[in-house]
Amino acid sequence: MHEGLAAPQRVARDARRVTAPTLFHLQWHDEIFPRKGQLTLFDLLGSEDKQLAAYTGMHAETKPAAVALWRDFMSRHLAAGS
């Protein structure tokens, strides 16, 4: 992991401050970000409206279903704000 990302206190503090609706995408076999750390980060998010979407595959293997979910999530939340 890049040394700039190894800031657990900062990441935990900032995650608790996230209150916007959040879609958290996790690649189950991610070779860059360990799964346990990603799940811990998801749990730390301060948003009351958070969704975890996990897909099999390595870091760069984005499934079409994931892209569709991102688009739907953004459309719903942007429309709700107007």
PDB file of N, CA and C in Angstrom:
ATOM      1  N   MET A   1       0.845  -1.173   0.000  1.00  0.00           N
ATOM      2  CA  MET A   1       0.000   0.000   0.000  1.00  0.00           C
ATOM      3  C   MET A   1       0.895   1.242   0.000  1.00  0.00           C
ATOM      4  N   HIS A   2       0.511   2.243  -0.731  1.00  0.00           N
ATOM      5  CA  HIS A   2       1.249   3.497  -0.779  1.00  0.00           C
ATOM      6  C   HIS A   2       1.315   4.101   0.616  1.00  0.00           C
ATOM      7  N   GLU A   3       2.506   4.575   1.004  1.00  0.00           N
ATOM      8  CA  GLU A   3       2.693   5.086   2.371  1.00  0.00           C
ATOM      9  C   GLU A   3       1.766   6.245   2.690  1.00  0.00           C
ATOM     10  N   GLY A   4       1.355   7.007   1.699  1.00  0.00           N
ATOM     11  CA  GLY A   4       0.430   8.116   1.924  1.00  0.00           C
ATOM     12  C   GLY A   4      -0.954   7.666   2.353  1.00  0.00           C
ATOM     13  N   LEU A   5      -1.279   6.417   2.057  1.00  0.00           N
ATOM     14  CA  LEU A   5      -2.582   5.876   2.450  1.00  0.00           C
ATOM     15  C   LEU A   5      -2.545   5.248   3.835  1.00  0.00           C
ATOM     16  N   ALA A   6      -1.360   5.071   4.382  1.00  0.00           N
ATOM     17  CA  ALA A   6      -1.214   4.448   5.695  1.00  0.00           C
ATOM     18  C   ALA A   6      -1.336   5.509   6.780  1.00  0.00           C
ATOM     19  N   ALA A   7      -2.537   5.999   6.976  1.00  0.00           N
ATOM     20  CA  ALA A   7      -2.811   7.034   7.971  1.00  0.00           C
ATOM     21  C   ALA A   7      -4.098   6.651   8.703  1.00  0.00           C
ATOM     22  N   PRO A   8      -4.080   5.541   9.467  1.00  0.00           N
ATOM     23  CA  PRO A   8      -5.321   5.010  10.028  1.00  0.00           C
ATOM     24  C   PRO A   8      -6.087   5.978  10.931  1.00  0.00           C
ATOM     25  N   GLN A   9      -5.388   6.790  11.707  1.00  0.00           N
ATOM     26  CA  GLN A   9      -6.113   7.724  12.584  1.00  0.00           C
ATOM     27  C   GLN A   9      -6.834   8.779  11.755  1.00  0.00           C
ATOM     28  N   ARG A  10      -6.166   9.287  10.744  1.00  0.00           N
ATOM     29  CA  ARG A  10      -6.769  10.308   9.887  1.00  0.00           C
ATOM     30  C   ARG A  10      -7.954   9.741   9.119  1.00  0.00           C
ATOM     31  N   VAL A  11      -7.782   8.559   8.567  1.00  0.00           N
ATOM     32  CA  VAL A  11      -8.856   7.925   7.798  1.00  0.00           C
ATOM     33  C   VAL A  11     -10.061   7.659   8.700  1.00  0.00           C
ATOM     34  N   ALA A  12      -9.838   7.145   9.896  1.00  0.00           N
ATOM     35  CA  ALA A  12     -10.936   6.861  10.822  1.00  0.00           C
ATOM     36  C   ALA A  12     -11.655   8.147  11.210  1.00  0.00           C
ATOM     37  N   ARG A  13     -10.901   9.186  11.501  1.00  0.00           N
ATOM     38  CA  ARG A  13     -11.525  10.461  11.884  1.00  0.00           C
ATOM     39  C   ARG A  13     -12.356  11.020  10.741  1.00  0.00           C
ATOM     40  N   ASP A  14     -11.795  11.011   9.543  1.00  0.00           N
ATOM     41  CA  ASP A  14     -12.511  11.555   8.394  1.00  0.00           C
ATOM     42  C   ASP A  14     -13.715  10.709   8.020  1.00  0.00           C
ATOM     43  N   ALA A  15     -13.618   9.394   8.145  1.00  0.00           N
ATOM     44  CA  ALA A  15     -14.743   8.506   7.807  1.00  0.00           C
ATOM     45  C   ALA A  15     -15.951   8.812   8.695  1.00  0.00           C
ATOM     46  N   ARG A  16     -15.716   9.067   9.960  1.00  0.00           N
ATOM     47  CA  ARG A  16     -16.824   9.374  10.880  1.00  0.00           C
ATOM     48  C   ARG A  16     -17.537  10.665  10.503  1.00  0.00           C
ATOM     49  N   ARG A  17     -16.836  11.549   9.805  1.00  0.00           N
ATOM     50  CA  ARG A  17     -17.408  12.838   9.414  1.00  0.00           C
ATOM     51  C   ARG A  17     -18.249  12.760   8.144  1.00  0.00           C
ATOM     52  N   VAL A  18     -18.189  11.641   7.439  1.00  0.00           N
ATOM     53  CA  VAL A  18     -18.972  11.479   6.205  1.00  0.00           C
ATOM     54  C   VAL A  18     -20.417  11.215   6.585  1.00  0.00           C
ATOM     55  N   THR A  19     -21.297  12.153   6.244  1.00  0.00           N
ATOM     56  CA  THR A  19     -22.715  12.004   6.582  1.00  0.00           C
ATOM     57  C   THR A  19     -23.606  11.931   5.344  1.00  0.00           C
ATOM     58  N   ALA A  20     -23.047  12.147   4.181  1.00  0.00           N
ATOM     59  CA  ALA A  20     -23.824  12.076   2.937  1.00  0.00           C
ATOM     60  C   ALA A  20     -24.152  10.623   2.620  1.00  0.00           C
ATOM     61  N   PRO A  21     -25.220  10.384   1.860  1.00  0.00           N
ATOM     62  CA  PRO A  21     -25.503   9.015   1.413  1.00  0.00           C
ATOM     63  C   PRO A  21     -24.257   8.453   0.731  1.00  0.00           C
ATOM     64  N   THR A  22     -23.941   7.215   1.050  1.00  0.00           N
ATOM     65  CA  THR A  22     -22.679   6.638   0.595  1.00  0.00           C
ATOM     66  C   THR A  22     -22.886   5.257  -0.006  1.00  0.00           C
ATOM     67  N   LEU A  23     -22.335   5.057  -1.192  1.00  0.00           N
ATOM     68  CA  LEU A  23     -22.275   3.743  -1.820  1.00  0.00           C
ATOM     69  C   LEU A  23     -20.819   3.315  -1.766  1.00  0.00           C
ATOM     70  N   PHE A  24     -20.537   2.259  -1.045  1.00  0.00           N
ATOM     71  CA  PHE A  24     -19.166   1.784  -0.836  1.00  0.00           C
ATOM     72  C   PHE A  24     -18.958   0.548  -1.694  1.00  0.00           C
ATOM     73  N   HIS A  25     -18.087   0.664  -2.655  1.00  0.00           N
ATOM     74  CA  HIS A  25     -17.805  -0.424  -3.601  1.00  0.00           C
ATOM     75  C   HIS A  25     -16.587  -1.201  -3.112  1.00  0.00           C
ATOM     76  N   LEU A  26     -16.713  -2.502  -3.017  1.00  0.00           N
ATOM     77  CA  LEU A  26     -15.621  -3.359  -2.550  1.00  0.00           C
ATOM     78  C   LEU A  26     -15.373  -4.469  -3.565  1.00  0.00           C
ATOM     79  N   GLN A  27     -14.132  -4.610  -3.979  1.00  0.00           N
ATOM     80  CA  GLN A  27     -13.737  -5.738  -4.822  1.00  0.00           C
ATOM     81  C   GLN A  27     -13.225  -6.824  -3.876  1.00  0.00           C
ATOM     82  N   TRP A  28     -13.905  -7.950  -3.851  1.00  0.00           N
ATOM     83  CA  TRP A  28     -13.668  -9.010  -2.865  1.00  0.00           C
ATOM     84  C   TRP A  28     -12.236  -9.527  -2.864  1.00  0.00           C
ATOM     85  N   HIS A  29     -11.590  -9.555  -4.014  1.00  0.00           N
ATOM     86  CA  HIS A  29     -10.233 -10.083  -4.119  1.00  0.00           C
ATOM     87  C   HIS A  29      -9.222  -8.961  -4.416  1.00  0.00           C
ATOM     88  N   ASP A  30      -9.501  -7.777  -3.899  1.00  0.00           N
ATOM     89  CA  ASP A  30      -8.665  -6.596  -4.134  1.00  0.00           C
ATOM     90  C   ASP A  30      -7.238  -6.846  -3.652  1.00  0.00           C
ATOM     91  N   GLU A  31      -6.286  -6.677  -4.559  1.00  0.00           N
ATOM     92  CA  GLU A  31      -4.887  -6.896  -4.218  1.00  0.00           C
ATOM     93  C   GLU A  31      -4.215  -5.628  -3.680  1.00  0.00           C
ATOM     94  N   ILE A  32      -4.900  -4.505  -3.720  1.00  0.00           N
ATOM     95  CA  ILE A  32      -4.329  -3.241  -3.246  1.00  0.00           C
ATOM     96  C   ILE A  32      -4.835  -2.883  -1.853  1.00  0.00           C
ATOM     97  N   PHE A  33      -6.143  -2.957  -1.657  1.00  0.00           N
ATOM     98  CA  PHE A  33      -6.748  -2.602  -0.372  1.00  0.00           C
ATOM     99  C   PHE A  33      -7.281  -3.864   0.297  1.00  0.00           C
ATOM    100  N   PRO A  34      -6.726  -4.258   1.428  1.00  0.00           N
ATOM    101  CA  PRO A  34      -7.180  -5.478   2.114  1.00  0.00           C
ATOM    102  C   PRO A  34      -8.663  -5.408   2.486  1.00  0.00           C
ATOM    103  N   ARG A  35      -9.366  -6.521   2.280  1.00  0.00           N
ATOM    104  CA  ARG A  35     -10.806  -6.592   2.540  1.00  0.00           C
ATOM    105  C   ARG A  35     -11.152  -6.189   3.977  1.00  0.00           C
ATOM    106  N   LYS A  36     -10.401  -6.697   4.938  1.00  0.00           N
ATOM    107  CA  LYS A  36     -10.696  -6.393   6.341  1.00  0.00           C
ATOM    108  C   LYS A  36     -10.662  -4.881   6.587  1.00  0.00           C
ATOM    109  N   GLY A  37      -9.677  -4.207   6.019  1.00  0.00           N
ATOM    110  CA  GLY A  37      -9.576  -2.761   6.178  1.00  0.00           C
ATOM    111  C   GLY A  37     -10.725  -2.030   5.517  1.00  0.00           C
ATOM    112  N   GLN A  38     -11.157  -2.517   4.367  1.00  0.00           N
ATOM    113  CA  GLN A  38     -12.288  -1.892   3.682  1.00  0.00           C
ATOM    114  C   GLN A  38     -13.570  -2.045   4.492  1.00  0.00           C
ATOM    115  N   LEU A  39     -13.776  -3.238   5.055  1.00  0.00           N
ATOM    116  CA  LEU A  39     -14.978  -3.457   5.867  1.00  0.00           C
ATOM    117  C   LEU A  39     -14.937  -2.605   7.138  1.00  0.00           C
ATOM    118  N   THR A  40     -13.773  -2.446   7.720  1.00  0.00           N
ATOM    119  CA  THR A  40     -13.618  -1.585   8.890  1.00  0.00           C
ATOM    120  C   THR A  40     -13.948  -0.142   8.518  1.00  0.00           C
ATOM    121  N   LEU A  41     -13.445   0.307   7.380  1.00  0.00           N
ATOM    122  CA  LEU A  41     -13.728   1.667   6.924  1.00  0.00           C
ATOM    123  C   LEU A  41     -15.221   1.863   6.697  1.00  0.00           C
ATOM    124  N   PHE A  42     -15.869   0.907   6.075  1.00  0.00           N
ATOM    125  CA  PHE A  42     -17.313   1.005   5.858  1.00  0.00           C
ATOM    126  C   PHE A  42     -18.045   1.167   7.189  1.00  0.00           C
ATOM    127  N   ASP A  43     -17.667   0.361   8.176  1.00  0.00           N
ATOM    128  CA  ASP A  43     -18.299   0.457   9.492  1.00  0.00           C
ATOM    129  C   ASP A  43     -18.088   1.812  10.138  1.00  0.00           C
ATOM    130  N   LEU A  44     -16.969   2.460   9.871  1.00  0.00           N
ATOM    131  CA  LEU A  44     -16.660   3.755  10.471  1.00  0.00           C
ATOM    132  C   LEU A  44     -17.411   4.924   9.838  1.00  0.00           C
ATOM    133  N   LEU A  45     -17.901   4.748   8.631  1.00  0.00           N
ATOM    134  CA  LEU A  45     -18.590   5.848   7.957  1.00  0.00           C
ATOM    135  C   LEU A  45     -19.737   6.365   8.809  1.00  0.00           C
ATOM    136  N   GLY A  46     -19.835   7.678   8.924  1.00  0.00           N
ATOM    137  CA  GLY A  46     -20.859   8.289   9.765  1.00  0.00           C
ATOM    138  C   GLY A  46     -22.227   8.414   9.114  1.00  0.00           C
ATOM    139  N   SER A  47     -22.338   8.101   7.858  1.00  0.00           N
ATOM    140  CA  SER A  47     -23.609   8.222   7.154  1.00  0.00           C
ATOM    141  C   SER A  47     -24.651   7.245   7.682  1.00  0.00           C
ATOM    142  N   GLU A  48     -25.871   7.736   7.867  1.00  0.00           N
ATOM    143  CA  GLU A  48     -26.975   6.845   8.241  1.00  0.00           C
ATOM    144  C   GLU A  48     -27.502   6.109   7.021  1.00  0.00           C
ATOM    145  N   ASP A  49     -27.202   6.625   5.833  1.00  0.00           N
ATOM    146  CA  ASP A  49     -27.647   6.030   4.572  1.00  0.00           C
ATOM    147  C   ASP A  49     -26.409   5.541   3.820  1.00  0.00           C
ATOM    148  N   LYS A  50     -25.963   4.331   4.185  1.00  0.00           N
ATOM    149  CA  LYS A  50     -24.786   3.783   3.518  1.00  0.00           C
ATOM    150  C   LYS A  50     -25.096   2.384   3.022  1.00  0.00           C
ATOM    151  N   GLN A  51     -24.523   2.082   1.872  1.00  0.00           N
ATOM    152  CA  GLN A  51     -24.770   0.804   1.207  1.00  0.00           C
ATOM    153  C   GLN A  51     -23.426   0.206   0.813  1.00  0.00           C
ATOM    154  N   LEU A  52     -23.254  -1.069   1.091  1.00  0.00           N
ATOM    155  CA  LEU A  52     -22.038  -1.793   0.718  1.00  0.00           C
ATOM    156  C   LEU A  52     -22.360  -2.683  -0.477  1.00  0.00           C
ATOM    157  N   ALA A  53     -21.579  -2.529  -1.539  1.00  0.00           N
ATOM    158  CA  ALA A  53     -21.744  -3.367  -2.726  1.00  0.00           C
ATOM    159  C   ALA A  53     -20.425  -4.089  -2.955  1.00  0.00           C
ATOM    160  N   ALA A  54     -20.430  -5.405  -2.834  1.00  0.00           N
ATOM    161  CA  ALA A  54     -19.213  -6.200  -2.995  1.00  0.00           C
ATOM    162  C   ALA A  54     -19.317  -7.062  -4.254  1.00  0.00           C
ATOM    163  N   TYR A  55     -18.218  -7.106  -4.976  1.00  0.00           N
ATOM    164  CA  TYR A  55     -18.151  -7.876  -6.214  1.00  0.00           C
ATOM    165  C   TYR A  55     -16.893  -8.731  -6.201  1.00  0.00           C
ATOM    166  N   THR A  56     -16.959  -9.901  -6.789  1.00  0.00           N
ATOM    167  CA  THR A  56     -15.770 -10.741  -6.908  1.00  0.00           C
ATOM    168  C   THR A  56     -14.803 -10.083  -7.879  1.00  0.00           C
ATOM    169  N   GLY A  57     -13.545 -10.401  -7.708  1.00  0.00           N
ATOM    170  CA  GLY A  57     -12.550  -9.900  -8.642  1.00  0.00           C
ATOM    171  C   GLY A  57     -11.496  -9.034  -7.995  1.00  0.00           C
ATOM    172  N   MET A  58     -10.483  -8.746  -8.797  1.00  0.00           N
ATOM    173  CA  MET A  58      -9.347  -7.942  -8.365  1.00  0.00           C
ATOM    174  C   MET A  58      -9.717  -6.455  -8.418  1.00  0.00           C
ATOM    175  N   HIS A  59      -8.791  -5.615  -7.983  1.00  0.00           N
ATOM    176  CA  HIS A  59      -9.025  -4.184  -7.843  1.00  0.00           C
ATOM    177  C   HIS A  59      -9.597  -3.537  -9.112  1.00  0.00           C
ATOM    178  N   ALA A  60      -9.032  -3.833 -10.244  1.00  0.00           N
ATOM    179  CA  ALA A  60      -9.419  -3.153 -11.484  1.00  0.00           C
ATOM    180  C   ALA A  60     -10.523  -3.866 -12.268  1.00  0.00           C
ATOM    181  N   GLU A  61     -11.120  -4.910 -11.710  1.00  0.00           N
ATOM    182  CA  GLU A  61     -12.143  -5.675 -12.414  1.00  0.00           C
ATOM    183  C   GLU A  61     -13.539  -5.161 -12.068  1.00  0.00           C
ATOM    184  N   THR A  62     -13.935  -4.092 -12.712  1.00  0.00           N
ATOM    185  CA  THR A  62     -15.251  -3.515 -12.454  1.00  0.00           C
ATOM    186  C   THR A  62     -16.299  -4.186 -13.333  1.00  0.00           C
ATOM    187  N   LYS A  63     -17.301  -4.730 -12.699  1.00  0.00           N
ATOM    188  CA  LYS A  63     -18.376  -5.417 -13.415  1.00  0.00           C
ATOM    189  C   LYS A  63     -19.397  -4.403 -13.946  1.00  0.00           C
ATOM    190  N   PRO A  64     -20.023  -4.676 -15.090  1.00  0.00           N
ATOM    191  CA  PRO A  64     -21.069  -3.785 -15.600  1.00  0.00           C
ATOM    192  C   PRO A  64     -22.192  -3.560 -14.580  1.00  0.00           C
ATOM    193  N   ALA A  65     -22.514  -4.570 -13.781  1.00  0.00           N
ATOM    194  CA  ALA A  65     -23.555  -4.406 -12.763  1.00  0.00           C
ATOM    195  C   ALA A  65     -23.155  -3.350 -11.734  1.00  0.00           C
ATOM    196  N   ALA A  66     -21.860  -3.256 -11.436  1.00  0.00           N
ATOM    197  CA  ALA A  66     -21.383  -2.248 -10.486  1.00  0.00           C
ATOM    198  C   ALA A  66     -21.574  -0.846 -11.057  1.00  0.00           C
ATOM    199  N   VAL A  67     -21.241  -0.672 -12.321  1.00  0.00           N
ATOM    200  CA  VAL A  67     -21.404   0.632 -12.968  1.00  0.00           C
ATOM    201  C   VAL A  67     -22.880   1.024 -12.978  1.00  0.00           C
ATOM    202  N   ALA A  68     -23.752   0.082 -13.280  1.00  0.00           N
ATOM    203  CA  ALA A  68     -25.190   0.352 -13.272  1.00  0.00           C
ATOM    204  C   ALA A  68     -25.654   0.753 -11.880  1.00  0.00           C
ATOM    205  N   LEU A  69     -25.149   0.093 -10.852  1.00  0.00           N
ATOM    206  CA  LEU A  69     -25.513   0.431  -9.478  1.00  0.00           C
ATOM    207  C   LEU A  69     -25.053   1.839  -9.128  1.00  0.00           C
ATOM    208  N   TRP A  70     -23.818   2.207  -9.507  1.00  0.00           N
ATOM    209  CA  TRP A  70     -23.307   3.558  -9.236  1.00  0.00           C
ATOM    210  C   TRP A  70     -24.213   4.596  -9.884  1.00  0.00           C
ATOM    211  N   ARG A  71     -24.567   4.357 -11.145  1.00  0.00           N
ATOM    212  CA  ARG A  71     -25.405   5.322 -11.871  1.00  0.00           C
ATOM    213  C   ARG A  71     -26.776   5.457 -11.221  1.00  0.00           C
ATOM    214  N   ASP A  72     -27.364   4.341 -10.829  1.00  0.00           N
ATOM    215  CA  ASP A  72     -28.672   4.371 -10.183  1.00  0.00           C
ATOM    216  C   ASP A  72     -28.597   5.110  -8.841  1.00  0.00           C
ATOM    217  N   PHE A  73     -27.566   4.824  -8.069  1.00  0.00           N
ATOM    218  CA  PHE A  73     -27.377   5.468  -6.779  1.00  0.00           C
ATOM    219  C   PHE A  73     -27.273   6.996  -6.953  1.00  0.00           C
ATOM    220  N   MET A  74     -26.419   7.417  -7.878  1.00  0.00           N
ATOM    221  CA  MET A  74     -26.252   8.856  -8.112  1.00  0.00           C
ATOM    222  C   MET A  74     -27.536   9.497  -8.622  1.00  0.00           C
ATOM    223  N   SER A  75     -28.203   8.839  -9.542  1.00  0.00           N
ATOM    224  CA  SER A  75     -29.456   9.393 -10.080  1.00  0.00           C
ATOM    225  C   SER A  75     -30.498   9.566  -8.986  1.00  0.00           C
ATOM    226  N   ARG A  76     -30.664   8.553  -8.141  1.00  0.00           N
ATOM    227  CA  ARG A  76     -31.646   8.636  -7.066  1.00  0.00           C
ATOM    228  C   ARG A  76     -31.326   9.765  -6.092  1.00  0.00           C
ATOM    229  N   HIS A  77     -30.070   9.885  -5.718  1.00  0.00           N
ATOM    230  CA  HIS A  77     -29.700  10.869  -4.708  1.00  0.00           C
ATOM    231  C   HIS A  77     -29.631  12.292  -5.270  1.00  0.00           C
ATOM    232  N   LEU A  78     -29.262  12.425  -6.518  1.00  0.00           N
ATOM    233  CA  LEU A  78     -29.270  13.757  -7.131  1.00  0.00           C
ATOM    234  C   LEU A  78     -30.697  14.231  -7.352  1.00  0.00           C
ATOM    235  N   ALA A  79     -31.580  13.314  -7.765  1.00  0.00           N
ATOM    236  CA  ALA A  79     -32.980  13.680  -7.979  1.00  0.00           C
ATOM    237  C   ALA A  79     -33.666  14.038  -6.655  1.00  0.00           C
ATOM    238  N   ALA A  80     -33.277  13.359  -5.581  1.00  0.00           N
ATOM    239  CA  ALA A  80     -33.877  13.629  -4.267  1.00  0.00           C
ATOM    240  C   ALA A  80     -33.486  15.011  -3.762  1.00  0.00           C
ATOM    241  N   GLY A  81     -32.338  15.516  -4.198  1.00  0.00           N
ATOM    242  CA  GLY A  81     -31.861  16.810  -3.733  1.00  0.00           C
ATOM    243  C   GLY A  81     -32.416  17.985  -4.521  1.00  0.00           C
ATOM    244  N   SER A  82     -33.131  17.712  -5.603  1.00  0.00           N
ATOM    245  CA  SER A  82     -33.632  18.832  -6.424  1.00  0.00           C
ATOM    246  C   SER A  82     -35.051  19.206  -6.079  1.00  0.00           C
TER     247      SER A  82
END
